[in-house]
């Protein structure tokens, strides 16, 4: 993510052009074809390791526009399952699961529709979402949005702490 955004920002700055920053979970949910899945919830889930997932919940309206039901978040698999079960029952709508963590979230006792073939956002989805001007900004303003700190930061802090302990 950081490398891809740095390259895009470099090209944009060099060409004095804006950048479209499209959220990954939204692009993943946009892969779901509107007509076939109208009146259903779409939950995009990516593996965040340690029995957690990055999750975004969306729904298509009657015009085919993808609407966000909740903010993207990092959540434990069990909590997400319960939240989706409850919401699916309350709204009487099945949940379509997309992303590389669908098998972690899927449960037989829910009204889940598993889309194992939709594990990555497509370039078409990203481009179509980028047509919406809300994603555009000046290259200098474009920043990745992390739902949790990168794992490398935690590892380096632990390594530095161990090094300090050895020096004492």
Protein backbone atom coordinates (compact mmCIF):
# COMPACT_ATOMS: atom_id res chain seq x y z
CA UNK A 1 0.00 0.00 0.00
CA UNK A 2 2.72 2.46 0.98
CA UNK A 3 4.82 1.72 -2.11
CA UNK A 4 1.87 1.91 -4.51
CA UNK A 5 0.70 5.20 -3.05
CA UNK A 6 4.24 6.64 -3.13
CA UNK A 7 4.54 5.79 -6.84
CA UNK A 8 1.12 7.30 -7.62
CA UNK A 9 1.97 10.45 -5.65
CA UNK A 10 5.31 10.74 -7.48
CA UNK A 11 3.64 10.60 -10.89
CA UNK A 12 0.91 13.00 -9.77
CA UNK A 13 3.35 15.57 -8.36
CA UNK A 14 5.55 15.37 -11.48
CA UNK A 15 2.52 15.88 -13.73
CA UNK A 16 0.73 18.38 -11.46
CA UNK A 17 -2.31 16.07 -11.27
CA UNK A 18 -4.61 15.06 -8.43
CA UNK A 19 -4.77 11.52 -6.98
CA UNK A 20 -7.82 9.30 -6.38
CA UNK A 21 -7.54 7.48 -3.04
CA UNK A 22 -10.04 4.61 -3.19
CA UNK A 23 -10.60 2.53 -0.02
CA UNK A 24 -9.64 -1.14 -0.53
CA UNK A 25 -12.69 -2.59 1.26
CA UNK A 26 -15.05 -0.41 -0.74
CA UNK A 27 -13.40 -1.42 -4.02
CA UNK A 28 -13.73 -5.05 -2.96
CA UNK A 29 -17.44 -4.63 -2.21
CA UNK A 30 -17.89 -2.87 -5.55
CA UNK A 31 -16.85 -6.11 -7.28
CA UNK A 32 -20.28 -7.50 -6.41
CA UNK A 33 -22.61 -7.04 -9.34
CA UNK A 34 -25.50 -4.72 -8.39
CA UNK A 35 -28.38 -6.34 -10.29
CA UNK A 36 -27.73 -9.85 -9.01
CA UNK A 37 -27.33 -8.77 -5.39
CA UNK A 38 -29.69 -5.84 -4.93
CA UNK A 39 -31.34 -5.74 -1.49
CA UNK A 40 -28.48 -7.61 0.17
CA UNK A 41 -25.65 -6.51 2.43
CA UNK A 42 -22.07 -6.79 1.17
CA UNK A 43 -19.34 -7.36 3.76
CA UNK A 44 -15.76 -7.01 2.54
CA UNK A 45 -13.30 -8.81 4.82
CA UNK A 46 -9.51 -9.02 4.65
CA UNK A 47 -7.38 -11.11 6.99
CA UNK A 48 -5.74 -8.95 9.66
CA UNK A 49 -4.10 -12.00 11.33
CA UNK A 50 -4.49 -13.14 14.96
CA UNK A 51 -8.19 -14.06 14.42
CA UNK A 52 -9.02 -10.49 13.35
CA UNK A 53 -10.26 -9.07 10.06
CA UNK A 54 -10.53 -5.71 8.39
CA UNK A 55 -14.23 -5.32 7.65
CA UNK A 56 -16.44 -2.91 5.78
CA UNK A 57 -20.20 -3.27 5.36
CA UNK A 58 -22.01 -1.93 2.31
CA UNK A 59 -25.34 -2.10 0.53
CA UNK A 60 -26.53 -1.15 -2.94
CA UNK A 61 -29.48 1.22 -3.16
CA UNK A 62 -32.23 0.90 -5.79
CA UNK A 63 -30.25 3.07 -8.24
CA UNK A 64 -27.16 0.85 -8.06
CA UNK A 65 -25.10 3.17 -5.85
CA UNK A 66 -22.93 1.45 -3.24
CA UNK A 67 -23.69 2.80 0.24
CA UNK A 68 -21.54 2.38 3.32
CA UNK A 69 -23.42 0.81 6.28
CA UNK A 70 -20.56 1.20 8.79
CA UNK A 71 -17.04 2.58 8.86
CA UNK A 72 -14.19 0.23 7.98
CA UNK A 73 -12.79 -1.35 11.11
CA UNK A 74 -10.55 -4.02 12.54
CA UNK A 75 -12.62 -6.54 14.47
CA UNK A 76 -12.32 -10.07 15.83
CA UNK A 77 -13.84 -12.76 13.64
CA UNK A 78 -16.29 -13.83 16.36
CA UNK A 79 -17.54 -10.30 17.01
CA UNK A 80 -18.02 -9.71 13.28
CA UNK A 81 -19.98 -12.96 12.89
CA UNK A 82 -22.34 -11.93 15.69
CA UNK A 83 -22.73 -8.38 14.34
CA UNK A 84 -23.51 -9.64 10.84
CA UNK A 85 -25.94 -12.29 12.13
CA UNK A 86 -27.81 -9.71 14.18
CA UNK A 87 -27.95 -7.14 11.38
CA UNK A 88 -28.98 -9.71 8.79
CA UNK A 89 -31.86 -10.83 11.01
CA UNK A 90 -32.93 -7.27 11.88
CA UNK A 91 -33.01 -6.18 8.23
CA UNK A 92 -34.12 -9.55 6.81
CA UNK A 93 -31.30 -9.35 4.27
CA UNK A 94 -28.62 -11.91 3.51
CA UNK A 95 -24.94 -10.93 3.73
CA UNK A 96 -22.59 -11.45 0.80
CA UNK A 97 -19.03 -12.08 1.99
CA UNK A 98 -16.14 -11.02 -0.26
CA UNK A 99 -12.41 -10.84 0.38
CA UNK A 100 -9.55 -13.11 1.34
CA UNK A 101 -11.01 -13.79 4.82
CA UNK A 102 -14.44 -15.08 3.76
CA UNK A 103 -13.66 -18.57 5.05
CA UNK A 104 -12.79 -17.16 8.48
CA UNK A 105 -16.12 -15.34 8.76
CA UNK A 106 -18.45 -17.80 7.04
CA UNK A 107 -20.85 -19.68 9.30
CA UNK A 108 -23.47 -22.30 8.41
CA UNK A 109 -26.00 -20.86 10.81
CA UNK A 110 -26.23 -17.49 9.04
CA UNK A 111 -27.72 -16.21 5.84
CA UNK A 112 -24.29 -15.69 4.29
CA UNK A 113 -23.57 -15.90 0.58
CA UNK A 114 -19.95 -16.83 0.07
CA UNK A 115 -18.17 -15.28 -2.91
CA UNK A 116 -14.78 -17.02 -2.79
CA UNK A 117 -13.92 -15.83 -6.31
CA UNK A 118 -14.00 -12.17 -5.20
CA UNK A 119 -10.93 -12.03 -2.98
CA UNK A 120 -9.19 -9.00 -4.50
CA UNK A 121 -10.51 -5.64 -5.69
CA UNK A 122 -10.61 -5.49 -9.48
CA UNK A 123 -9.02 -2.66 -11.44
CA UNK A 124 -12.45 -1.99 -12.97
CA UNK A 125 -13.98 -1.50 -9.51
CA UNK A 126 -11.20 0.86 -8.42
CA UNK A 127 -11.51 2.90 -11.64
CA UNK A 128 -15.30 3.12 -11.44
CA UNK A 129 -15.15 4.30 -7.85
CA UNK A 130 -12.45 6.81 -8.82
CA UNK A 131 -14.98 8.50 -11.13
CA UNK A 132 -16.61 9.80 -7.94
CA UNK A 133 -14.93 13.10 -7.12
CA UNK A 134 -15.08 12.46 -3.35
CA UNK A 135 -11.95 10.28 -3.67
CA UNK A 136 -9.79 12.92 -5.35
CA UNK A 137 -7.27 15.12 -3.59
CA UNK A 138 -3.97 16.88 -4.21
CA UNK A 139 -1.06 14.43 -4.31
CA UNK A 140 0.51 16.03 -1.24
CA UNK A 141 -2.67 15.33 0.77
CA UNK A 142 -3.00 11.65 -0.21
CA UNK A 143 -2.31 9.43 2.78
CA UNK A 144 -2.99 5.74 3.38
CA UNK A 145 -5.63 5.03 6.00
CA UNK A 146 -4.50 2.28 8.35
CA UNK A 147 -7.09 0.49 10.47
CA UNK A 148 -4.32 -0.75 12.76
CA UNK A 149 -0.61 0.07 12.97
CA UNK A 150 1.62 -1.81 10.53
CA UNK A 151 3.00 -5.02 12.07
CA UNK A 152 6.56 -3.94 11.33
CA UNK A 153 6.28 -1.05 13.82
CA UNK A 154 5.38 -3.42 16.65
CA UNK A 155 8.21 -5.81 15.76
CA UNK A 156 10.81 -3.03 15.62
CA UNK A 157 9.67 -1.66 18.98
CA UNK A 158 9.97 -5.12 20.53
CA UNK A 159 13.41 -5.60 18.96
CA UNK A 160 14.58 -2.18 20.24
CA UNK A 161 13.26 -2.98 23.72
CA UNK A 162 15.14 -6.32 23.77
CA UNK A 163 18.32 -4.56 22.60
CA UNK A 164 17.96 -1.98 25.38
CA UNK A 165 17.44 -4.75 27.96
CA UNK A 166 20.60 -6.51 26.80
CA UNK A 167 22.64 -3.31 27.12
CA UNK A 168 21.51 -2.74 30.72
